[in-house]
N, C-alpha and C. Protein backbone atom coordinates (compact mmCIF):
# COMPACT_ATOMS: atom_id res chain seq x y z
N UNK A 1 40.23 35.92 26.73
CA UNK A 1 40.82 36.18 28.01
C UNK A 1 40.21 37.40 28.69
N UNK A 2 39.76 38.35 27.89
CA UNK A 2 39.15 39.55 28.47
C UNK A 2 37.87 39.19 29.20
N UNK A 3 37.13 38.22 28.66
CA UNK A 3 35.88 37.81 29.29
C UNK A 3 36.16 37.20 30.66
N UNK A 4 37.20 36.39 30.75
CA UNK A 4 37.56 35.79 32.05
C UNK A 4 38.00 36.88 33.02
N UNK A 5 38.74 37.86 32.53
CA UNK A 5 39.19 38.96 33.39
C UNK A 5 38.00 39.75 33.93
N UNK A 6 37.03 40.03 33.07
CA UNK A 6 35.84 40.75 33.51
C UNK A 6 35.05 39.90 34.51
N UNK A 7 34.97 38.60 34.26
CA UNK A 7 34.28 37.70 35.18
C UNK A 7 34.95 37.71 36.55
N UNK A 8 36.29 37.63 36.57
CA UNK A 8 37.01 37.65 37.85
C UNK A 8 36.83 38.98 38.58
N UNK A 9 36.83 40.08 37.85
CA UNK A 9 36.57 41.38 38.47
C UNK A 9 35.18 41.43 39.07
N UNK A 10 34.21 40.87 38.35
CA UNK A 10 32.83 40.84 38.85
C UNK A 10 32.72 40.00 40.11
N UNK A 11 33.36 38.85 40.12
CA UNK A 11 33.34 37.98 41.29
C UNK A 11 34.00 38.68 42.48
N UNK A 12 35.12 39.35 42.24
CA UNK A 12 35.82 40.05 43.31
C UNK A 12 34.96 41.17 43.88
N UNK A 13 34.31 41.92 43.01
CA UNK A 13 33.45 43.01 43.47
C UNK A 13 32.25 42.49 44.24
N UNK A 14 31.63 41.43 43.74
CA UNK A 14 30.49 40.84 44.43
C UNK A 14 30.89 40.27 45.78
N UNK A 15 32.02 39.58 45.83
CA UNK A 15 32.51 39.03 47.09
C UNK A 15 32.80 40.13 48.10
N UNK A 16 33.42 41.20 47.64
CA UNK A 16 33.72 42.33 48.52
C UNK A 16 32.42 42.95 49.07
N UNK A 17 31.41 43.08 48.23
CA UNK A 17 30.13 43.63 48.67
C UNK A 17 29.44 42.72 49.68
N UNK A 18 29.46 41.42 49.43
CA UNK A 18 28.84 40.47 50.37
C UNK A 18 29.55 40.47 51.71
N UNK A 19 30.86 40.52 51.69
CA UNK A 19 31.62 40.56 52.95
C UNK A 19 31.31 41.85 53.70
N UNK A 20 31.22 42.97 52.98
CA UNK A 20 30.89 44.23 53.64
C UNK A 20 29.51 44.19 54.28
N UNK A 21 28.52 43.61 53.58
CA UNK A 21 27.17 43.50 54.16
C UNK A 21 27.19 42.61 55.40
N UNK A 22 27.96 41.52 55.36
CA UNK A 22 28.02 40.65 56.53
C UNK A 22 28.74 41.32 57.69
N UNK A 23 29.73 42.14 57.39
CA UNK A 23 30.40 42.92 58.43
C UNK A 23 29.39 43.84 59.12
N UNK A 24 28.53 44.47 58.34
CA UNK A 24 27.50 45.34 58.93
C UNK A 24 26.55 44.54 59.81
N UNK A 25 26.21 43.32 59.40
CA UNK A 25 25.33 42.47 60.20
C UNK A 25 26.01 42.07 61.51
N UNK A 26 27.29 41.75 61.45
CA UNK A 26 28.04 41.39 62.66
C UNK A 26 28.10 42.58 63.61
N UNK A 27 28.34 43.76 63.09
CA UNK A 27 28.38 44.96 63.93
C UNK A 27 27.01 45.21 64.56
N UNK A 28 25.94 45.05 63.77
CA UNK A 28 24.59 45.23 64.31
C UNK A 28 24.32 44.21 65.41
N UNK A 29 24.76 42.98 65.22
CA UNK A 29 24.58 41.95 66.25
C UNK A 29 25.33 42.27 67.52
N UNK A 30 26.54 42.81 67.37
CA UNK A 30 27.32 43.17 68.55
C UNK A 30 26.65 44.32 69.30
N UNK A 31 26.13 45.29 68.58
CA UNK A 31 25.45 46.42 69.22
C UNK A 31 24.17 45.94 69.91
N UNK A 32 23.48 44.99 69.31
CA UNK A 32 22.24 44.47 69.91
C UNK A 32 22.50 43.75 71.22
N UNK A 33 23.70 43.21 71.41
CA UNK A 33 23.99 42.53 72.68
C UNK A 33 24.18 43.53 73.81
N UNK A 34 24.49 44.77 73.48
CA UNK A 34 24.67 45.80 74.51
C UNK A 34 23.35 46.40 74.95
N UNK A 35 22.31 46.26 74.13
CA UNK A 35 21.02 46.89 74.37
C UNK A 35 20.03 45.81 74.79
N UNK A 36 19.21 46.10 75.76
CA UNK A 36 18.17 45.16 76.18
C UNK A 36 16.99 45.31 75.22
N UNK A 37 16.96 44.45 74.21
CA UNK A 37 15.93 44.53 73.18
C UNK A 37 15.15 43.22 73.17
N UNK A 38 13.93 43.27 72.68
CA UNK A 38 13.05 42.12 72.63
C UNK A 38 13.65 41.03 71.74
N UNK A 39 13.92 39.84 72.27
CA UNK A 39 14.52 38.78 71.45
C UNK A 39 13.57 38.23 70.39
N UNK A 40 12.28 38.57 70.48
CA UNK A 40 11.32 38.11 69.48
C UNK A 40 11.12 39.10 68.35
N UNK A 41 11.85 40.19 68.38
CA UNK A 41 11.82 41.16 67.31
C UNK A 41 12.37 40.49 66.04
N UNK A 42 11.68 40.62 64.90
CA UNK A 42 12.14 39.95 63.67
C UNK A 42 13.55 40.36 63.24
N UNK A 43 13.90 41.62 63.42
CA UNK A 43 15.25 42.07 63.05
C UNK A 43 16.30 41.37 63.90
N UNK A 44 16.04 41.27 65.19
CA UNK A 44 16.97 40.61 66.11
C UNK A 44 17.10 39.14 65.75
N UNK A 45 16.00 38.50 65.43
CA UNK A 45 16.04 37.08 65.07
C UNK A 45 16.84 36.85 63.79
N UNK A 46 16.67 37.72 62.81
CA UNK A 46 17.42 37.58 61.55
C UNK A 46 18.91 37.75 61.80
N UNK A 47 19.27 38.77 62.57
CA UNK A 47 20.69 39.02 62.85
C UNK A 47 21.28 37.83 63.61
N UNK A 48 20.57 37.31 64.56
CA UNK A 48 21.09 36.17 65.33
C UNK A 48 21.20 34.91 64.46
N UNK A 49 20.23 34.69 63.59
CA UNK A 49 20.30 33.52 62.70
C UNK A 49 21.45 33.62 61.72
N UNK A 50 21.84 34.81 61.37
CA UNK A 50 22.95 34.99 60.44
C UNK A 50 24.32 34.96 61.12
N UNK A 51 24.37 35.29 62.40
CA UNK A 51 25.67 35.36 63.07
C UNK A 51 25.95 34.20 64.01
N UNK A 52 24.97 33.67 64.69
CA UNK A 52 25.21 32.64 65.70
C UNK A 52 25.85 31.36 65.14
N UNK A 53 25.48 30.88 63.96
CA UNK A 53 26.18 29.67 63.46
C UNK A 53 27.69 29.88 63.29
N UNK A 54 28.08 31.06 62.84
CA UNK A 54 29.50 31.34 62.67
C UNK A 54 30.18 31.46 64.03
N UNK A 55 29.51 32.12 64.98
CA UNK A 55 30.07 32.24 66.33
C UNK A 55 30.22 30.86 66.96
N UNK A 56 29.22 30.00 66.81
CA UNK A 56 29.29 28.65 67.39
C UNK A 56 30.46 27.87 66.79
N UNK A 57 30.66 27.99 65.49
CA UNK A 57 31.78 27.32 64.83
C UNK A 57 33.11 27.82 65.40
N UNK A 58 33.22 29.13 65.55
CA UNK A 58 34.45 29.72 66.09
C UNK A 58 34.67 29.30 67.53
N UNK A 59 33.62 29.29 68.32
CA UNK A 59 33.74 28.94 69.74
C UNK A 59 34.16 27.49 69.93
N UNK A 60 33.79 26.60 69.00
CA UNK A 60 34.22 25.21 69.09
C UNK A 60 35.70 25.06 68.74
N UNK A 61 36.21 25.95 67.91
CA UNK A 61 37.60 25.85 67.44
C UNK A 61 38.60 26.57 68.35
N UNK A 62 38.25 27.76 68.80
CA UNK A 62 39.17 28.55 69.62
C UNK A 62 38.43 29.15 70.80
N UNK A 63 39.13 29.42 71.91
CA UNK A 63 38.46 30.10 73.03
C UNK A 63 38.21 31.56 72.68
N UNK A 64 36.99 32.01 72.88
CA UNK A 64 36.64 33.38 72.51
C UNK A 64 36.18 34.20 73.71
N UNK A 65 36.15 33.61 74.88
CA UNK A 65 35.70 34.34 76.07
C UNK A 65 36.89 34.59 76.99
N UNK A 66 37.14 35.86 77.27
CA UNK A 66 38.22 36.25 78.17
C UNK A 66 37.66 37.21 79.21
N UNK A 67 37.78 36.83 80.49
CA UNK A 67 37.27 37.63 81.61
C UNK A 67 35.79 37.96 81.45
N UNK A 68 35.03 37.02 80.92
CA UNK A 68 33.60 37.22 80.76
C UNK A 68 33.19 38.01 79.52
N UNK A 69 34.15 38.39 78.70
CA UNK A 69 33.86 39.15 77.48
C UNK A 69 34.06 38.24 76.28
N UNK A 70 33.02 38.12 75.46
CA UNK A 70 33.08 37.30 74.26
C UNK A 70 33.64 38.14 73.12
N UNK A 71 34.80 37.73 72.61
CA UNK A 71 35.42 38.48 71.52
C UNK A 71 35.20 37.81 70.16
N UNK A 72 34.24 36.90 70.07
CA UNK A 72 33.95 36.23 68.81
C UNK A 72 33.61 37.23 67.70
N UNK A 73 32.80 38.27 67.97
CA UNK A 73 32.54 39.23 66.88
C UNK A 73 33.81 39.94 66.40
N UNK A 74 34.70 40.25 67.32
CA UNK A 74 35.94 40.92 66.93
C UNK A 74 36.81 40.00 66.07
N UNK A 75 36.92 38.74 66.47
CA UNK A 75 37.70 37.78 65.70
C UNK A 75 37.07 37.59 64.32
N UNK A 76 35.75 37.53 64.27
CA UNK A 76 35.06 37.38 62.99
C UNK A 76 35.27 38.60 62.10
N UNK A 77 35.20 39.79 62.66
CA UNK A 77 35.42 41.01 61.87
C UNK A 77 36.84 41.06 61.31
N UNK A 78 37.82 40.70 62.12
CA UNK A 78 39.20 40.69 61.63
C UNK A 78 39.37 39.64 60.53
N UNK A 79 38.76 38.48 60.71
CA UNK A 79 38.84 37.43 59.69
C UNK A 79 38.19 37.86 58.39
N UNK A 80 37.03 38.50 58.49
CA UNK A 80 36.35 38.96 57.29
C UNK A 80 37.15 40.04 56.57
N UNK A 81 37.77 40.92 57.33
CA UNK A 81 38.62 41.96 56.71
C UNK A 81 39.80 41.32 55.99
N UNK A 82 40.41 40.32 56.61
CA UNK A 82 41.53 39.63 55.97
C UNK A 82 41.08 38.95 54.68
N UNK A 83 39.96 38.25 54.74
CA UNK A 83 39.45 37.58 53.54
C UNK A 83 39.14 38.60 52.46
N UNK A 84 38.53 39.69 52.86
CA UNK A 84 38.18 40.72 51.89
C UNK A 84 39.43 41.28 51.23
N UNK A 85 40.42 41.62 52.00
CA UNK A 85 41.64 42.21 51.44
C UNK A 85 42.40 41.18 50.60
N UNK A 86 42.64 40.01 51.15
CA UNK A 86 43.48 39.03 50.49
C UNK A 86 42.83 38.44 49.24
N UNK A 87 41.65 37.84 49.41
CA UNK A 87 41.02 37.12 48.31
C UNK A 87 40.61 38.08 47.19
N UNK A 88 40.03 39.21 47.55
CA UNK A 88 39.60 40.16 46.53
C UNK A 88 40.80 40.69 45.75
N UNK A 89 41.89 41.00 46.44
CA UNK A 89 43.07 41.49 45.73
C UNK A 89 43.71 40.42 44.86
N UNK A 90 43.69 39.17 45.30
CA UNK A 90 44.21 38.09 44.46
C UNK A 90 43.37 37.94 43.20
N UNK A 91 42.06 37.98 43.35
CA UNK A 91 41.20 37.89 42.17
C UNK A 91 41.42 39.07 41.22
N UNK A 92 41.53 40.25 41.77
CA UNK A 92 41.78 41.41 40.92
C UNK A 92 43.15 41.34 40.25
N UNK A 93 44.14 40.82 40.94
CA UNK A 93 45.47 40.67 40.35
C UNK A 93 45.42 39.72 39.16
N UNK A 94 44.73 38.57 39.34
CA UNK A 94 44.61 37.63 38.23
C UNK A 94 43.81 38.23 37.07
N UNK A 95 42.79 39.00 37.40
CA UNK A 95 42.00 39.63 36.34
C UNK A 95 42.85 40.63 35.56
N UNK A 96 43.66 41.40 36.26
CA UNK A 96 44.52 42.38 35.57
C UNK A 96 45.61 41.70 34.76
N UNK A 97 46.08 40.54 35.21
CA UNK A 97 47.12 39.85 34.46
C UNK A 97 46.58 39.22 33.19
N UNK A 98 45.27 38.99 33.13
CA UNK A 98 44.65 38.40 31.94
C UNK A 98 44.33 39.43 30.87
N UNK A 99 44.38 40.70 31.22
CA UNK A 99 44.03 41.74 30.25
C UNK A 99 45.16 41.98 29.28
């Protein structure tokens, strides 16, 4: 049982780290929309390739534009924070109960 607990802790930690890295990418993408930067820049292309599919999925499901302002990044950041807090804590709770 200890092995499963350690595995669950590892998964929770890895998931938390991946969500944090994606949050940083979303923030970078939001900042890039405020700045007039070359769209052919490799960094800009990577950030857009990582964020635009999620934004498109969200835009198909819920309205994200209000008064000309797209709040898809904000909705995504709140969703990622919720997933990070809820799922990671559930995994850690199960890991601690197995010890």
